[in-house]
C-alpha atoms as a PDB file:
ATOM      1  CA  MET A   1     -60.733  -8.075  -9.202  1.00  0.00           C
ATOM      2  CA  ALA A   2     -63.197  -8.113  -6.164  1.00  0.00           C
ATOM      3  CA  PRO A   3     -65.018  -4.646  -5.525  1.00  0.00           C
ATOM      4  CA  THR A   4     -64.540  -2.310  -2.957  1.00  0.00           C
ATOM      5  CA  ILE A   5     -67.645  -0.586  -1.509  1.00  0.00           C
ATOM      6  CA  LYS A   6     -66.724   2.688   0.719  1.00  0.00           C
ATOM      7  CA  ALA A   7     -68.669   5.714   2.080  1.00  0.00           C
ATOM      8  CA  ARG A   8     -69.150   8.592  -0.541  1.00  0.00           C
ATOM      9  CA  GLU A   9     -66.594  10.818   0.932  1.00  0.00           C
ATOM     10  CA  ASP A  10     -64.089   8.048   0.865  1.00  0.00           C
ATOM     11  CA  VAL A  11     -64.376   7.331  -3.076  1.00  0.00           C
ATOM     12  CA  ASP A  12     -62.345   8.791  -5.542  1.00  0.00           C
ATOM     13  CA  GLY A  13     -64.556  10.883  -8.003  1.00  0.00           C
ATOM     14  CA  CYS A  14     -68.643  10.123  -7.959  1.00  0.00           C
ATOM     15  CA  GLY A  15     -70.167   7.880  -5.482  1.00  0.00           C
ATOM     16  CA  CYS A  16     -73.857   7.706  -6.894  1.00  0.00           C
ATOM     17  CA  LEU A  17     -75.225   4.594  -7.330  1.00  0.00           C
ATOM     18  CA  GLU A  18     -75.044   4.696 -10.695  1.00  0.00           C
ATOM     19  CA  CYS A  19     -71.411   5.271 -10.832  1.00  0.00           C
ATOM     20  CA  ARG A  20     -70.887   2.264  -8.279  1.00  0.00           C
ATOM     21  CA  ASN A  21     -73.250   0.045 -10.444  1.00  0.00           C
ATOM     22  CA  ILE A  22     -75.629  -0.520  -7.556  1.00  0.00           C
ATOM     23  CA  GLU A  23     -79.331  -0.825  -8.241  1.00  0.00           C
ATOM     24  CA  THR A  24     -81.955   0.874  -6.233  1.00  0.00           C
ATOM     25  CA  THR A  25     -83.557  -1.944  -5.363  1.00  0.00           C
ATOM     26  CA  THR A  26     -80.788  -3.057  -3.074  1.00  0.00           C
ATOM     27  CA  THR A  27     -81.233   0.042  -0.920  1.00  0.00           C
ATOM     28  CA  ASN A  28     -84.821  -1.013  -0.743  1.00  0.00           C
ATOM     29  CA  ARG A  29     -84.532  -4.617   0.194  1.00  0.00           C
ATOM     30  CA  THR A  30     -86.051  -5.310   3.670  1.00  0.00           C
ATOM     31  CA  VAL A  31     -84.066  -7.670   6.143  1.00  0.00           C
ATOM     32  CA  LEU A  32     -86.380 -10.628   5.005  1.00  0.00           C
ATOM     33  CA  ASP A  33     -85.572  -9.820   1.153  1.00  0.00           C
ATOM     34  CA  ALA A  34     -82.036  -9.729   2.339  1.00  0.00           C
ATOM     35  CA  LEU A  35     -82.577 -13.116   3.568  1.00  0.00           C
ATOM     36  CA  VAL A  36     -84.116 -14.576   0.715  1.00  0.00           C
ATOM     37  CA  TRP A  37     -81.741 -12.982  -1.559  1.00  0.00           C
ATOM     38  CA  SER A  38     -78.822 -14.528   0.556  1.00  0.00           C
ATOM     39  CA  VAL A  39     -80.353 -18.144   0.006  1.00  0.00           C
ATOM     40  CA  ARG A  40     -80.414 -17.463  -3.588  1.00  0.00           C
ATOM     41  CA  LEU A  41     -77.207 -16.384  -3.964  1.00  0.00           C
ATOM     42  CA  PHE A  42     -75.675 -19.573  -2.557  1.00  0.00           C
ATOM     43  CA  ARG A  43     -77.494 -21.376  -5.361  1.00  0.00           C
ATOM     44  CA  SER A  44     -75.491 -19.154  -7.728  1.00  0.00           C
ATOM     45  CA  TYR A  45     -72.009 -19.872  -5.576  1.00  0.00           C
ATOM     46  CA  PRO A  46     -71.962 -23.466  -4.477  1.00  0.00           C
ATOM     47  CA  SER A  47     -68.470 -22.723  -3.486  1.00  0.00           C
ATOM     48  CA  ILE A  48     -69.664 -20.927  -0.154  1.00  0.00           C
ATOM     49  CA  LEU A  49     -71.701 -24.033   0.866  1.00  0.00           C
ATOM     50  CA  ALA A  50     -68.727 -26.457  -0.070  1.00  0.00           C
ATOM     51  CA  PHE A  51     -66.132 -24.136   2.086  1.00  0.00           C
ATOM     52  CA  ALA A  52     -68.713 -24.051   4.808  1.00  0.00           C
ATOM     53  CA  GLY A  53     -69.670 -27.796   4.755  1.00  0.00           C
ATOM     54  CA  VAL A  54     -65.696 -28.581   4.932  1.00  0.00           C
ATOM     55  CA  ILE A  55     -65.342 -26.864   7.999  1.00  0.00           C
ATOM     56  CA  ILE A  56     -68.883 -27.758   9.582  1.00  0.00           C
ATOM     57  CA  LEU A  57     -67.595 -31.516   9.078  1.00  0.00           C
ATOM     58  CA  ALA A  58     -64.390 -30.855  10.614  1.00  0.00           C
ATOM     59  CA  ASN A  59     -66.344 -29.434  13.830  1.00  0.00           C
ATOM     60  CA  ARG A  60     -68.718 -32.546  13.803  1.00  0.00           C
ATOM     61  CA  LEU A  61     -65.444 -34.840  13.553  1.00  0.00           C
ATOM     62  CA  LEU A  62     -63.731 -32.789  16.590  1.00  0.00           C
ATOM     63  CA  GLU A  63     -66.655 -33.623  18.776  1.00  0.00           C
ATOM     64  CA  THR A  64     -66.725 -37.561  18.366  1.00  0.00           C
ATOM     65  CA  ASP A  65     -64.789 -39.849  20.392  1.00  0.00           C
ATOM     66  CA  SER A  66     -62.596 -41.091  17.851  1.00  0.00           C
ATOM     67  CA  ILE A  67     -60.693 -37.684  17.674  1.00  0.00           C
ATOM     68  CA  ALA A  68     -59.605 -38.503  21.192  1.00  0.00           C
ATOM     69  CA  LEU A  69     -57.150 -40.601  20.031  1.00  0.00           C
ATOM     70  CA  LEU A  70     -55.018 -37.609  18.904  1.00  0.00           C
ATOM     71  CA  PRO A  71     -52.784 -35.902  21.370  1.00  0.00           C
ATOM     72  CA  MET A  72     -54.447 -33.030  23.272  1.00  0.00           C
ATOM     73  CA  PRO A  73     -52.399 -30.188  21.604  1.00  0.00           C
ATOM     74  CA  ALA A  74     -53.240 -31.368  18.158  1.00  0.00           C
ATOM     75  CA  ILE A  75     -56.930 -31.083  19.089  1.00  0.00           C
ATOM     76  CA  GLY A  76     -56.541 -27.521  20.679  1.00  0.00           C
ATOM     77  CA  VAL A  77     -54.914 -26.555  17.060  1.00  0.00           C
ATOM     78  CA  ALA A  78     -57.457 -28.127  14.918  1.00  0.00           C
ATOM     79  CA  GLU A  79     -60.413 -26.731  16.934  1.00  0.00           C
ATOM     80  CA  ALA A  80     -58.808 -23.210  16.887  1.00  0.00           C
ATOM     81  CA  VAL A  81     -58.338 -23.500  13.318  1.00  0.00           C
ATOM     82  CA  THR A  82     -61.742 -24.396  12.426  1.00  0.00           C
ATOM     83  CA  ALA A  83     -63.259 -21.624  14.652  1.00  0.00           C
ATOM     84  CA  PHE A  84     -60.715 -19.080  12.931  1.00  0.00           C
ATOM     85  CA  ALA A  85     -62.043 -20.058   9.338  1.00  0.00           C
ATOM     86  CA  PHE A  86     -65.792 -20.310  10.403  1.00  0.00           C
ATOM     87  CA  ILE A  87     -65.776 -17.015  12.213  1.00  0.00           C
ATOM     88  CA  ILE A  88     -63.057 -14.848  10.202  1.00  0.00           C
ATOM     89  CA  SER A  89     -62.372 -16.685   6.763  1.00  0.00           C
ATOM     90  CA  ILE A  90     -65.983 -17.572   5.995  1.00  0.00           C
ATOM     91  CA  ARG A  91     -67.461 -14.345   6.762  1.00  0.00           C
ATOM     92  CA  ALA A  92     -64.715 -12.619   4.557  1.00  0.00           C
ATOM     93  CA  TYR A  93     -65.452 -14.877   1.705  1.00  0.00           C
ATOM     94  CA  VAL A  94     -69.147 -14.330   1.841  1.00  0.00           C
ATOM     95  CA  GLY A  95     -68.674 -10.504   2.128  1.00  0.00           C
ATOM     96  CA  THR A  96     -66.403 -10.609  -0.940  1.00  0.00           C
ATOM     97  CA  ILE A  97     -69.167 -12.367  -2.863  1.00  0.00           C
ATOM     98  CA  VAL A  98     -72.058 -10.192  -1.702  1.00  0.00           C
ATOM     99  CA  ALA A  99     -70.264  -7.116  -2.798  1.00  0.00           C
ATOM    100  CA  GLY A 100     -69.432  -8.356  -5.999  1.00  0.00           C
ATOM    101  CA  GLU A 101     -73.063  -9.586  -6.701  1.00  0.00           C
ATOM    102  CA  LEU A 102     -74.751  -6.275  -5.733  1.00  0.00           C
ATOM    103  CA  THR A 103     -72.110  -4.284  -8.014  1.00  0.00           C
ATOM    104  CA  GLY A 104     -72.658  -6.544 -10.977  1.00  0.00           C
ATOM    105  CA  GLU A 105     -69.081  -7.631 -10.667  1.00  0.00           C
ATOM    106  CA  PRO A 106     -69.255 -11.214 -10.241  1.00  0.00           C
ATOM    107  CA  VAL A 107     -66.212 -12.845  -8.030  1.00  0.00           C
ATOM    108  CA  THR A 108     -64.561 -15.740  -8.897  1.00  0.00           C
ATOM    109  CA  ILE A 109     -63.520 -18.278  -6.199  1.00  0.00           C
ATOM    110  CA  ARG A 110     -59.850 -17.223  -6.526  1.00  0.00           C
ATOM    111  CA  GLU A 111     -60.757 -13.666  -6.190  1.00  0.00           C
ATOM    112  CA  GLY A 112     -63.036 -14.343  -3.284  1.00  0.00           C
ATOM    113  CA  MET A 113     -60.087 -15.962  -1.475  1.00  0.00           C
ATOM    114  CA  ARG A 114     -57.401 -13.623  -2.406  1.00  0.00           C
ATOM    115  CA  ARG A 115     -59.359 -10.674  -0.825  1.00  0.00           C
ATOM    116  CA  SER A 116     -60.272 -12.933   2.109  1.00  0.00           C
ATOM    117  CA  ILE A 117     -56.631 -13.991   2.954  1.00  0.00           C
ATOM    118  CA  ALA A 118     -55.364 -10.372   2.263  1.00  0.00           C
ATOM    119  CA  ARG A 119     -57.802  -8.917   4.682  1.00  0.00           C
ATOM    120  CA  THR A 120     -56.922 -11.643   7.475  1.00  0.00           C
ATOM    121  CA  PRO A 121     -54.410  -9.576   9.213  1.00  0.00           C
ATOM    122  CA  ALA A 122     -56.820  -6.344   9.456  1.00  0.00           C
ATOM    123  CA  LEU A 123     -60.097  -8.584  10.031  1.00  0.00           C
ATOM    124  CA  VAL A 124     -57.903 -10.176  12.980  1.00  0.00           C
ATOM    125  CA  GLY A 125     -57.072  -6.584  14.443  1.00  0.00           C
ATOM    126  CA  VAL A 126     -60.914  -5.758  14.226  1.00  0.00           C
ATOM    127  CA  ILE A 127     -61.837  -8.764  16.060  1.00  0.00           C
ATOM    128  CA  LEU A 128     -59.065  -8.069  18.769  1.00  0.00           C
ATOM    129  CA  LEU A 129     -60.309  -4.433  19.488  1.00  0.00           C
ATOM    130  CA  ILE A 130     -64.055  -5.482  19.278  1.00  0.00           C
ATOM    131  CA  VAL A 131     -63.203  -8.067  22.210  1.00  0.00           C
ATOM    132  CA  PHE A 132     -60.943  -5.813  23.930  1.00  0.00           C
ATOM    133  CA  SER A 133     -63.581  -2.915  23.752  1.00  0.00           C
ATOM    134  CA  VAL A 134     -66.648  -4.908  24.763  1.00  0.00           C
ATOM    135  CA  MET A 135     -64.884  -6.381  27.788  1.00  0.00           C
ATOM    136  CA  THR A 136     -62.562  -3.552  29.042  1.00  0.00           C
ATOM    137  CA  ILE A 137     -65.167  -0.555  28.764  1.00  0.00           C
ATOM    138  CA  PRO A 138     -68.076  -2.269  30.549  1.00  0.00           C
ATOM    139  CA  PHE A 139     -65.664  -3.302  33.346  1.00  0.00           C
ATOM    140  CA  PHE A 140     -64.453   0.269  34.033  1.00  0.00           C
ATOM    141  CA  VAL A 141     -68.120   1.384  33.724  1.00  0.00           C
ATOM    142  CA  SER A 142     -69.133  -0.879  36.535  1.00  0.00           C
ATOM    143  CA  LEU A 143     -65.955  -0.322  38.229  1.00  0.00           C
ATOM    144  CA  PRO A 144     -67.639   2.780  40.341  1.00  0.00           C
ATOM    145  CA  LEU A 145     -70.195   0.321  41.969  1.00  0.00           C
ATOM    146  CA  PHE A 146     -67.881  -2.291  43.058  1.00  0.00           C
ATOM    147  CA  LEU A 147     -65.500   0.627  44.679  1.00  0.00           C
ATOM    148  CA  LEU A 148     -69.090   1.925  46.135  1.00  0.00           C
ATOM    149  CA  VAL A 149     -69.559  -1.748  47.354  1.00  0.00           C
ATOM    150  CA  GLY A 150     -66.126  -1.903  49.043  1.00  0.00           C
ATOM    151  CA  VAL A 151     -66.539   1.336  51.067  1.00  0.00           C
ATOM    152  CA  LEU A 152     -70.127   1.201  52.256  1.00  0.00           C
ATOM    153  CA  PRO A 153     -70.424  -0.049  55.892  1.00  0.00           C
ATOM    154  CA  VAL A 154     -73.332  -2.293  54.731  1.00  0.00           C
ATOM    155  CA  THR A 155     -72.968  -4.216  51.596  1.00  0.00           C
ATOM    156  CA  PRO A 156     -76.011  -4.519  48.947  1.00  0.00           C
ATOM    157  CA  VAL A 157     -76.139  -8.166  49.457  1.00  0.00           C
ATOM    158  CA  GLU A 158     -76.876  -7.275  53.503  1.00  0.00           C
ATOM    159  CA  MET A 159     -79.353  -4.674  52.213  1.00  0.00           C
ATOM    160  CA  VAL A 160     -81.392  -6.734  49.801  1.00  0.00           C
ATOM    161  CA  SER A 161     -81.164 -10.402  48.643  1.00  0.00           C
ATOM    162  CA  PHE A 162     -78.119 -11.708  46.780  1.00  0.00           C
ATOM    163  CA  PRO A 163     -80.314 -12.415  43.290  1.00  0.00           C
ATOM    164  CA  VAL A 164     -81.262  -8.769  43.322  1.00  0.00           C
ATOM    165  CA  ALA A 165     -77.837  -7.650  43.970  1.00  0.00           C
ATOM    166  CA  ALA A 166     -76.220  -9.928  41.318  1.00  0.00           C
ATOM    167  CA  ALA A 167     -78.875  -8.842  38.832  1.00  0.00           C
ATOM    168  CA  VAL A 168     -77.851  -5.148  39.293  1.00  0.00           C
ATOM    169  CA  GLY A 169     -74.236  -6.029  38.773  1.00  0.00           C
ATOM    170  CA  GLY A 170     -75.089  -8.039  35.886  1.00  0.00           C
ATOM    171  CA  ILE A 171     -76.961  -5.525  34.227  1.00  0.00           C
ATOM    172  CA  VAL A 172     -74.621  -2.711  34.946  1.00  0.00           C
ATOM    173  CA  PHE A 173     -71.881  -4.701  32.881  1.00  0.00           C
ATOM    174  CA  ALA A 174     -74.046  -6.247  30.269  1.00  0.00           C
ATOM    175  CA  VAL A 175     -76.006  -2.921  29.206  1.00  0.00           C
ATOM    176  CA  PRO A 176     -72.574  -1.454  27.960  1.00  0.00           C
ATOM    177  CA  PHE A 177     -71.245  -4.810  26.654  1.00  0.00           C
ATOM    178  CA  LEU A 178     -74.231  -5.335  24.430  1.00  0.00           C
ATOM    179  CA  PHE A 179     -74.413  -1.817  23.417  1.00  0.00           C
ATOM    180  CA  LEU A 180     -70.697  -1.804  22.031  1.00  0.00           C
ATOM    181  CA  LEU A 181     -71.123  -5.381  20.586  1.00  0.00           C
ATOM    182  CA  PHE A 182     -74.327  -3.781  18.715  1.00  0.00           C
ATOM    183  CA  LYS A 183     -72.323  -0.740  17.473  1.00  0.00           C
ATOM    184  CA  PHE A 184     -69.393  -2.743  16.449  1.00  0.00           C
ATOM    185  CA  TRP A 185     -71.278  -5.749  14.586  1.00  0.00           C
ATOM    186  CA  PHE A 186     -70.542  -4.467  10.822  1.00  0.00           C
ATOM    187  CA  ALA A 187     -66.874  -3.819  11.540  1.00  0.00           C
ATOM    188  CA  PRO A 188     -65.461  -7.054   9.764  1.00  0.00           C
ATOM    189  CA  GLU A 189     -67.809  -6.156   6.475  1.00  0.00           C
ATOM    190  CA  ALA A 190     -66.360  -2.492   6.774  1.00  0.00           C
ATOM    191  CA  CYS A 191     -62.892  -4.099   7.074  1.00  0.00           C
ATOM    192  CA  VAL A 192     -63.238  -6.746   4.292  1.00  0.00           C
ATOM    193  CA  ILE A 193     -66.075  -5.134   1.852  1.00  0.00           C
ATOM    194  CA  GLY A 194     -64.502  -1.379   2.346  1.00  0.00           C
ATOM    195  CA  GLN A 195     -60.758  -2.173   3.045  1.00  0.00           C
ATOM    196  CA  TYR A 196     -60.876  -0.072   5.773  1.00  0.00           C
ATOM    197  CA  GLY A 197     -58.164  -0.257   8.561  1.00  0.00           C
ATOM    198  CA  PRO A 198     -59.179  -1.954  11.995  1.00  0.00           C
ATOM    199  CA  LEU A 199     -59.983   1.662  13.878  1.00  0.00           C
ATOM    200  CA  LYS A 200     -61.688   3.045  10.937  1.00  0.00           C
ATOM    201  CA  SER A 201     -63.838  -0.132  10.522  1.00  0.00           C
ATOM    202  CA  LEU A 202     -65.103   0.373  13.942  1.00  0.00           C
ATOM    203  CA  ARG A 203     -66.218   3.901  13.292  1.00  0.00           C
ATOM    204  CA  VAL A 204     -67.535   2.842   9.937  1.00  0.00           C
ATOM    205  CA  SER A 205     -69.800   0.313  12.146  1.00  0.00           C
ATOM    206  CA  TRP A 206     -70.858   2.802  14.715  1.00  0.00           C
ATOM    207  CA  ARG A 207     -72.343   5.020  11.950  1.00  0.00           C
ATOM    208  CA  ILE A 208     -74.212   2.372   9.915  1.00  0.00           C
ATOM    209  CA  THR A 209     -75.872   1.014  13.350  1.00  0.00           C
ATOM    210  CA  THR A 210     -76.744   4.688  14.115  1.00  0.00           C
ATOM    211  CA  ASN A 211     -78.922   4.996  10.774  1.00  0.00           C
ATOM    212  CA  TYR A 212     -80.170   1.451  10.664  1.00  0.00           C
ATOM    213  CA  ARG A 213     -80.766   0.691  14.035  1.00  0.00           C
ATOM    214  CA  GLY A 214     -84.355  -0.601  13.568  1.00  0.00           C
ATOM    215  CA  LYS A 215     -83.208  -2.968  10.658  1.00  0.00           C
ATOM    216  CA  PHE A 216     -80.571  -4.272  12.856  1.00  0.00           C
ATOM    217  CA  VAL A 217     -82.649  -5.034  16.049  1.00  0.00           C
ATOM    218  CA  LEU A 218     -84.990  -6.881  13.690  1.00  0.00           C
ATOM    219  CA  ILE A 219     -82.498  -9.024  12.095  1.00  0.00           C
ATOM    220  CA  VAL A 220     -80.805  -9.653  15.758  1.00  0.00           C
ATOM    221  CA  ILE A 221     -84.432 -10.911  17.104  1.00  0.00           C
ATOM    222  CA  ILE A 222     -84.721 -12.989  13.918  1.00  0.00           C
ATOM    223  CA  ALA A 223     -81.361 -14.664  14.365  1.00  0.00           C
ATOM    224  CA  ILE A 224     -81.834 -15.202  18.219  1.00  0.00           C
ATOM    225  CA  GLY A 225     -85.047 -16.655  17.562  1.00  0.00           C
ATOM    226  CA  SER A 226     -83.861 -19.129  14.940  1.00  0.00           C
ATOM    227  CA  ALA A 227     -80.777 -20.132  17.083  1.00  0.00           C
ATOM    228  CA  VAL A 228     -83.041 -20.881  20.357  1.00  0.00           C
ATOM    229  CA  SER A 229     -85.348 -22.968  17.848  1.00  0.00           C
ATOM    230  CA  LEU A 230     -82.338 -24.841  16.589  1.00  0.00           C
ATOM    231  CA  TYR A 231     -80.629 -25.641  20.093  1.00  0.00           C
ATOM    232  CA  LEU A 232     -83.196 -25.935  22.486  1.00  0.00           C
ATOM    233  CA  PRO A 233     -84.140 -29.618  21.500  1.00  0.00           C
ATOM    234  CA  THR A 234     -80.568 -30.526  22.293  1.00  0.00           C
ATOM    235  CA  TYR A 235     -81.001 -29.385  26.003  1.00  0.00           C
ATOM    236  CA  LEU A 236     -84.493 -30.192  26.584  1.00  0.00           C
ATOM    237  CA  PRO A 237     -84.560 -32.957  29.822  1.00  0.00           C
ATOM    238  CA  GLU A 238     -84.355 -36.364  28.862  1.00  0.00           C
ATOM    239  CA  MET A 239     -87.686 -37.899  28.749  1.00  0.00           C
ATOM    240  CA  GLY A 240     -87.229 -41.532  28.382  1.00  0.00           C
ATOM    241  CA  ALA A 241     -84.462 -43.742  26.604  1.00  0.00           C
ATOM    242  CA  SER A 242     -85.982 -43.085  23.317  1.00  0.00           C
ATOM    243  CA  LEU A 243     -85.213 -39.395  23.739  1.00  0.00           C
ATOM    244  CA  ALA A 244     -81.787 -40.098  25.356  1.00  0.00           C
ATOM    245  CA  SER A 245     -80.786 -41.994  22.419  1.00  0.00           C
ATOM    246  CA  LEU A 246     -81.680 -39.157  19.967  1.00  0.00           C
ATOM    247  CA  ASN A 247     -80.298 -36.364  21.628  1.00  0.00           C
ATOM    248  CA  PRO A 248     -76.876 -36.879  20.028  1.00  0.00           C
ATOM    249  CA  VAL A 249     -78.376 -37.055  16.809  1.00  0.00           C
ATOM    250  CA  VAL A 250     -80.714 -34.027  17.235  1.00  0.00           C
ATOM    251  CA  HIS A 251     -77.416 -32.059  18.709  1.00  0.00           C
ATOM    252  CA  LEU A 252     -75.625 -33.326  15.261  1.00  0.00           C
ATOM    253  CA  ILE A 253     -78.436 -31.836  13.072  1.00  0.00           C
ATOM    254  CA  SER A 254     -79.163 -28.627  15.134  1.00  0.00           C
ATOM    255  CA  SER A 255     -75.535 -27.566  15.188  1.00  0.00           C
ATOM    256  CA  SER A 256     -74.785 -28.167  11.388  1.00  0.00           C
ATOM    257  CA  VAL A 257     -78.109 -26.328  10.601  1.00  0.00           C
ATOM    258  CA  GLY A 258     -77.283 -23.536  13.017  1.00  0.00           C
ATOM    259  CA  GLU A 259     -73.768 -23.189  11.411  1.00  0.00           C
ATOM    260  CA  LEU A 260     -75.241 -22.994   7.913  1.00  0.00           C
ATOM    261  CA  LEU A 261     -77.952 -20.399   8.952  1.00  0.00           C
ATOM    262  CA  SER A 262     -74.717 -18.409  10.218  1.00  0.00           C
ATOM    263  CA  ILE A 263     -73.537 -18.212   6.777  1.00  0.00           C
ATOM    264  CA  VAL A 264     -77.027 -16.800   5.513  1.00  0.00           C
ATOM    265  CA  TRP A 265     -76.554 -14.260   8.324  1.00  0.00           C
ATOM    266  CA  ALA A 266     -73.151 -13.342   7.325  1.00  0.00           C
ATOM    267  CA  SER A 267     -74.309 -12.880   3.542  1.00  0.00           C
ATOM    268  CA  ALA A 268     -77.448 -10.592   5.305  1.00  0.00           C
ATOM    269  CA  TYR A 269     -75.007  -8.471   7.268  1.00  0.00           C
ATOM    270  CA  ALA A 270     -73.104  -7.919   4.241  1.00  0.00           C
ATOM    271  CA  HIS A 271     -75.887  -6.721   2.345  1.00  0.00           C
ATOM    272  CA  ILE A 272     -76.819  -4.324   5.196  1.00  0.00           C
ATOM    273  CA  TYR A 273     -73.542  -2.876   5.381  1.00  0.00           C
ATOM    274  CA  VAL A 274     -73.616  -2.050   1.771  1.00  0.00           C
ATOM    275  CA  GLN A 275     -77.189  -0.606   2.244  1.00  0.00           C
ATOM    276  CA  GLY A 276     -75.732   1.381   4.934  1.00  0.00           C
ATOM    277  CA  ILE A 277     -72.199   2.618   3.472  1.00  0.00           C
ATOM    278  CA  ILE A 278     -74.214   3.797   0.269  1.00  0.00           C
ATOM    279  CA  SER A 279     -76.770   5.822   1.973  1.00  0.00           C
END
């Protein structure tokens, strides 16, 4: 059976590391250590790469011209299914595998799939709450600014240049948006690994990101850097026919590698969740 890792106050009985069968090396791993550990984990569980490979292959097929022969509704359904599987199912499956490895209770493919499917409704609820929060709360935070603009006799655009006014409005919305996205980042792991409900998962993630702020900022910076390095070549200006012919190939490779790396990040997120929840 796939293990459940909750906060100490939510555990029946003793919640120490020894009783949970979690080694102290788990709590001492850095972000880079967690990434290296994740790569090694995939070598032990080829089912992760197989599962991800099927979805990545489906995504590449959906991007080809041959798929255009299908009716538009079928293409939309296929894209929705692959996106759902990649964003929710893969992260849930990887998180379950990570929890099993960190507690010394290896999870079988069947157990991992069973936990992923069982937690899907709650995980969908978590995602919906996150999307609702990061979109509505920043809107209400920036609403006074828009109301102020409406009652002023002179608009900010008339007082300053349009780029400056647009930048101020964007910052007012973006700051709470990014803050909430940061605070709720580990909610999926709390939902799957900790088997918390949607609202409790958000509260657990909020606490973890408070205690592990520096570590999480580091992993975000590394993730953004790797994404930029992979996707930038596909958007470089075309410099001749040779580059134009290679651009679809570069896009194909960078997209596939980027999606594979996101699986590594999912494992690292699960590892950091375990570190945060047991501290």
